Amino acid sequence: MEIGELWSITVVIDEMQHLQPTEVSTIRLKPVIGSVLKVERGLPPSLDPVMDPA
């Protein structure tokens, strides 16, 4: 990566039925050189079932 460069990361979760409201997931990005970047995201307090149209 260079200064000012942007990246997009997509995370596919295969086991969606095991996720619970307010559950926190963590992704650690570890470069070859440098420090680890930890990204945490939490789910909302309520989840509605939605069918994937694909």
N, C-alpha and C. Protein backbone atom coordinates (compact mmCIF):
# COMPACT_ATOMS: atom_id res chain seq x y z
N MET A 1 0.83 -1.18 0.00
CA MET A 1 0.00 0.00 0.00
C MET A 1 0.87 1.24 0.00
N GLU A 2 0.35 2.25 -0.62
CA GLU A 2 1.05 3.53 -0.63
C GLU A 2 0.18 4.58 0.06
N ILE A 3 0.78 5.68 0.45
CA ILE A 3 0.06 6.75 1.13
C ILE A 3 -1.10 7.22 0.26
N GLY A 4 -2.28 7.31 0.85
CA GLY A 4 -3.47 7.76 0.13
C GLY A 4 -4.22 6.67 -0.62
N GLU A 5 -3.66 5.48 -0.69
CA GLU A 5 -4.30 4.38 -1.40
C GLU A 5 -5.44 3.81 -0.56
N LEU A 6 -6.56 3.48 -1.19
CA LEU A 6 -7.72 2.93 -0.50
C LEU A 6 -7.93 1.48 -0.90
N TRP A 7 -8.40 0.68 0.06
CA TRP A 7 -8.68 -0.73 -0.18
C TRP A 7 -10.08 -1.04 0.33
N SER A 8 -10.69 -2.04 -0.25
CA SER A 8 -11.98 -2.53 0.21
C SER A 8 -11.82 -4.00 0.58
N ILE A 9 -12.31 -4.37 1.75
CA ILE A 9 -12.21 -5.75 2.22
C ILE A 9 -13.63 -6.28 2.42
N THR A 10 -13.93 -7.43 1.82
CA THR A 10 -15.23 -8.06 1.98
C THR A 10 -15.05 -9.34 2.79
N VAL A 11 -15.86 -9.48 3.83
CA VAL A 11 -15.80 -10.66 4.68
C VAL A 11 -17.10 -11.43 4.48
N VAL A 12 -16.99 -12.68 4.08
CA VAL A 12 -18.16 -13.53 3.86
C VAL A 12 -18.32 -14.42 5.09
N ILE A 13 -19.50 -14.36 5.69
CA ILE A 13 -19.78 -15.17 6.88
C ILE A 13 -20.71 -16.30 6.46
N ASP A 14 -20.21 -17.55 6.51
CA ASP A 14 -20.99 -18.70 6.07
C ASP A 14 -22.01 -19.17 7.12
N GLU A 15 -21.71 -18.96 8.37
CA GLU A 15 -22.56 -19.48 9.45
C GLU A 15 -23.36 -18.36 10.11
N MET A 16 -24.22 -17.70 9.34
CA MET A 16 -25.00 -16.57 9.85
C MET A 16 -25.98 -16.97 10.96
N GLN A 17 -26.48 -18.20 10.95
CA GLN A 17 -27.48 -18.59 11.93
C GLN A 17 -26.93 -18.61 13.35
N HIS A 18 -25.61 -18.61 13.52
CA HIS A 18 -25.02 -18.65 14.86
C HIS A 18 -24.76 -17.26 15.43
N LEU A 19 -24.98 -16.21 14.66
CA LEU A 19 -24.75 -14.86 15.15
C LEU A 19 -25.88 -14.43 16.07
N GLN A 20 -25.52 -13.73 17.13
CA GLN A 20 -26.49 -13.25 18.11
C GLN A 20 -26.49 -11.72 18.14
N PRO A 21 -27.62 -11.10 18.53
CA PRO A 21 -27.66 -9.64 18.66
C PRO A 21 -26.56 -9.15 19.60
N THR A 22 -26.00 -8.03 19.30
CA THR A 22 -24.92 -7.34 20.04
C THR A 22 -23.59 -8.10 20.03
N GLU A 23 -23.49 -9.19 19.28
CA GLU A 23 -22.24 -9.94 19.20
C GLU A 23 -21.18 -9.11 18.48
N VAL A 24 -19.96 -9.17 18.97
CA VAL A 24 -18.85 -8.40 18.40
C VAL A 24 -17.93 -9.34 17.63
N SER A 25 -17.56 -8.95 16.42
CA SER A 25 -16.61 -9.71 15.60
C SER A 25 -15.33 -8.89 15.44
N THR A 26 -14.20 -9.58 15.41
CA THR A 26 -12.91 -8.92 15.29
C THR A 26 -12.16 -9.48 14.09
N ILE A 27 -11.57 -8.59 13.31
CA ILE A 27 -10.70 -8.97 12.19
C ILE A 27 -9.35 -8.32 12.45
N ARG A 28 -8.28 -9.09 12.34
CA ARG A 28 -6.93 -8.56 12.52
C ARG A 28 -6.20 -8.58 11.19
N LEU A 29 -5.75 -7.42 10.76
CA LEU A 29 -4.99 -7.30 9.51
C LEU A 29 -3.52 -7.22 9.90
N LYS A 30 -2.73 -8.21 9.47
CA LYS A 30 -1.34 -8.31 9.88
C LYS A 30 -0.43 -8.19 8.66
N PRO A 31 0.22 -7.04 8.50
CA PRO A 31 1.14 -6.88 7.37
C PRO A 31 2.45 -7.61 7.63
N VAL A 32 3.23 -7.81 6.58
CA VAL A 32 4.54 -8.46 6.72
C VAL A 32 5.44 -7.62 7.62
N ILE A 33 5.40 -6.32 7.43
CA ILE A 33 6.18 -5.40 8.26
C ILE A 33 5.21 -4.37 8.84
N GLY A 34 5.33 -4.10 10.12
CA GLY A 34 4.47 -3.10 10.76
C GLY A 34 3.57 -3.73 11.80
N SER A 35 2.74 -2.89 12.38
CA SER A 35 1.87 -3.36 13.46
C SER A 35 0.54 -3.87 12.92
N VAL A 36 -0.13 -4.66 13.75
CA VAL A 36 -1.41 -5.26 13.41
C VAL A 36 -2.52 -4.21 13.56
N LEU A 37 -3.46 -4.21 12.62
CA LEU A 37 -4.63 -3.34 12.70
C LEU A 37 -5.82 -4.21 13.09
N LYS A 38 -6.42 -3.90 14.23
CA LYS A 38 -7.57 -4.67 14.71
C LYS A 38 -8.85 -3.87 14.44
N VAL A 39 -9.80 -4.51 13.75
CA VAL A 39 -11.08 -3.88 13.42
C VAL A 39 -12.18 -4.67 14.12
N GLU A 40 -12.96 -4.01 14.98
CA GLU A 40 -14.06 -4.65 15.68
C GLU A 40 -15.37 -4.02 15.25
N ARG A 41 -16.37 -4.87 15.03
CA ARG A 41 -17.70 -4.40 14.66
C ARG A 41 -18.72 -5.21 15.45
N GLY A 42 -19.77 -4.54 15.90
CA GLY A 42 -20.82 -5.20 16.65
C GLY A 42 -22.12 -5.23 15.87
N LEU A 43 -22.91 -6.26 16.13
CA LEU A 43 -24.23 -6.37 15.51
C LEU A 43 -25.23 -5.51 16.28
N PRO A 44 -26.31 -5.10 15.63
CA PRO A 44 -27.33 -4.29 16.32
C PRO A 44 -28.06 -5.11 17.39
N PRO A 45 -28.81 -4.43 18.28
CA PRO A 45 -29.51 -5.13 19.36
C PRO A 45 -30.60 -6.09 18.88
N SER A 46 -31.12 -5.91 17.68
CA SER A 46 -32.11 -6.86 17.16
C SER A 46 -31.79 -7.19 15.71
N LEU A 47 -32.06 -8.45 15.35
CA LEU A 47 -31.81 -8.93 13.99
C LEU A 47 -33.11 -9.46 13.40
N ASP A 48 -33.41 -9.09 12.16
CA ASP A 48 -34.58 -9.60 11.46
C ASP A 48 -34.15 -10.61 10.42
N PRO A 49 -34.86 -11.75 10.31
CA PRO A 49 -34.50 -12.73 9.28
C PRO A 49 -34.82 -12.17 7.89
N VAL A 50 -33.87 -12.28 7.00
CA VAL A 50 -34.03 -11.81 5.62
C VAL A 50 -33.53 -12.91 4.70
N MET A 51 -34.28 -13.21 3.67
CA MET A 51 -33.84 -14.23 2.72
C MET A 51 -32.99 -13.58 1.65
N ASP A 52 -31.90 -14.24 1.30
CA ASP A 52 -31.01 -13.76 0.25
C ASP A 52 -31.66 -14.03 -1.11
N PRO A 53 -31.87 -12.98 -1.92
CA PRO A 53 -32.54 -13.19 -3.21
C PRO A 53 -31.67 -13.89 -4.26
N ALA A 54 -30.39 -14.07 -3.97
CA ALA A 54 -29.50 -14.68 -4.97
C ALA A 54 -29.67 -16.17 -5.05
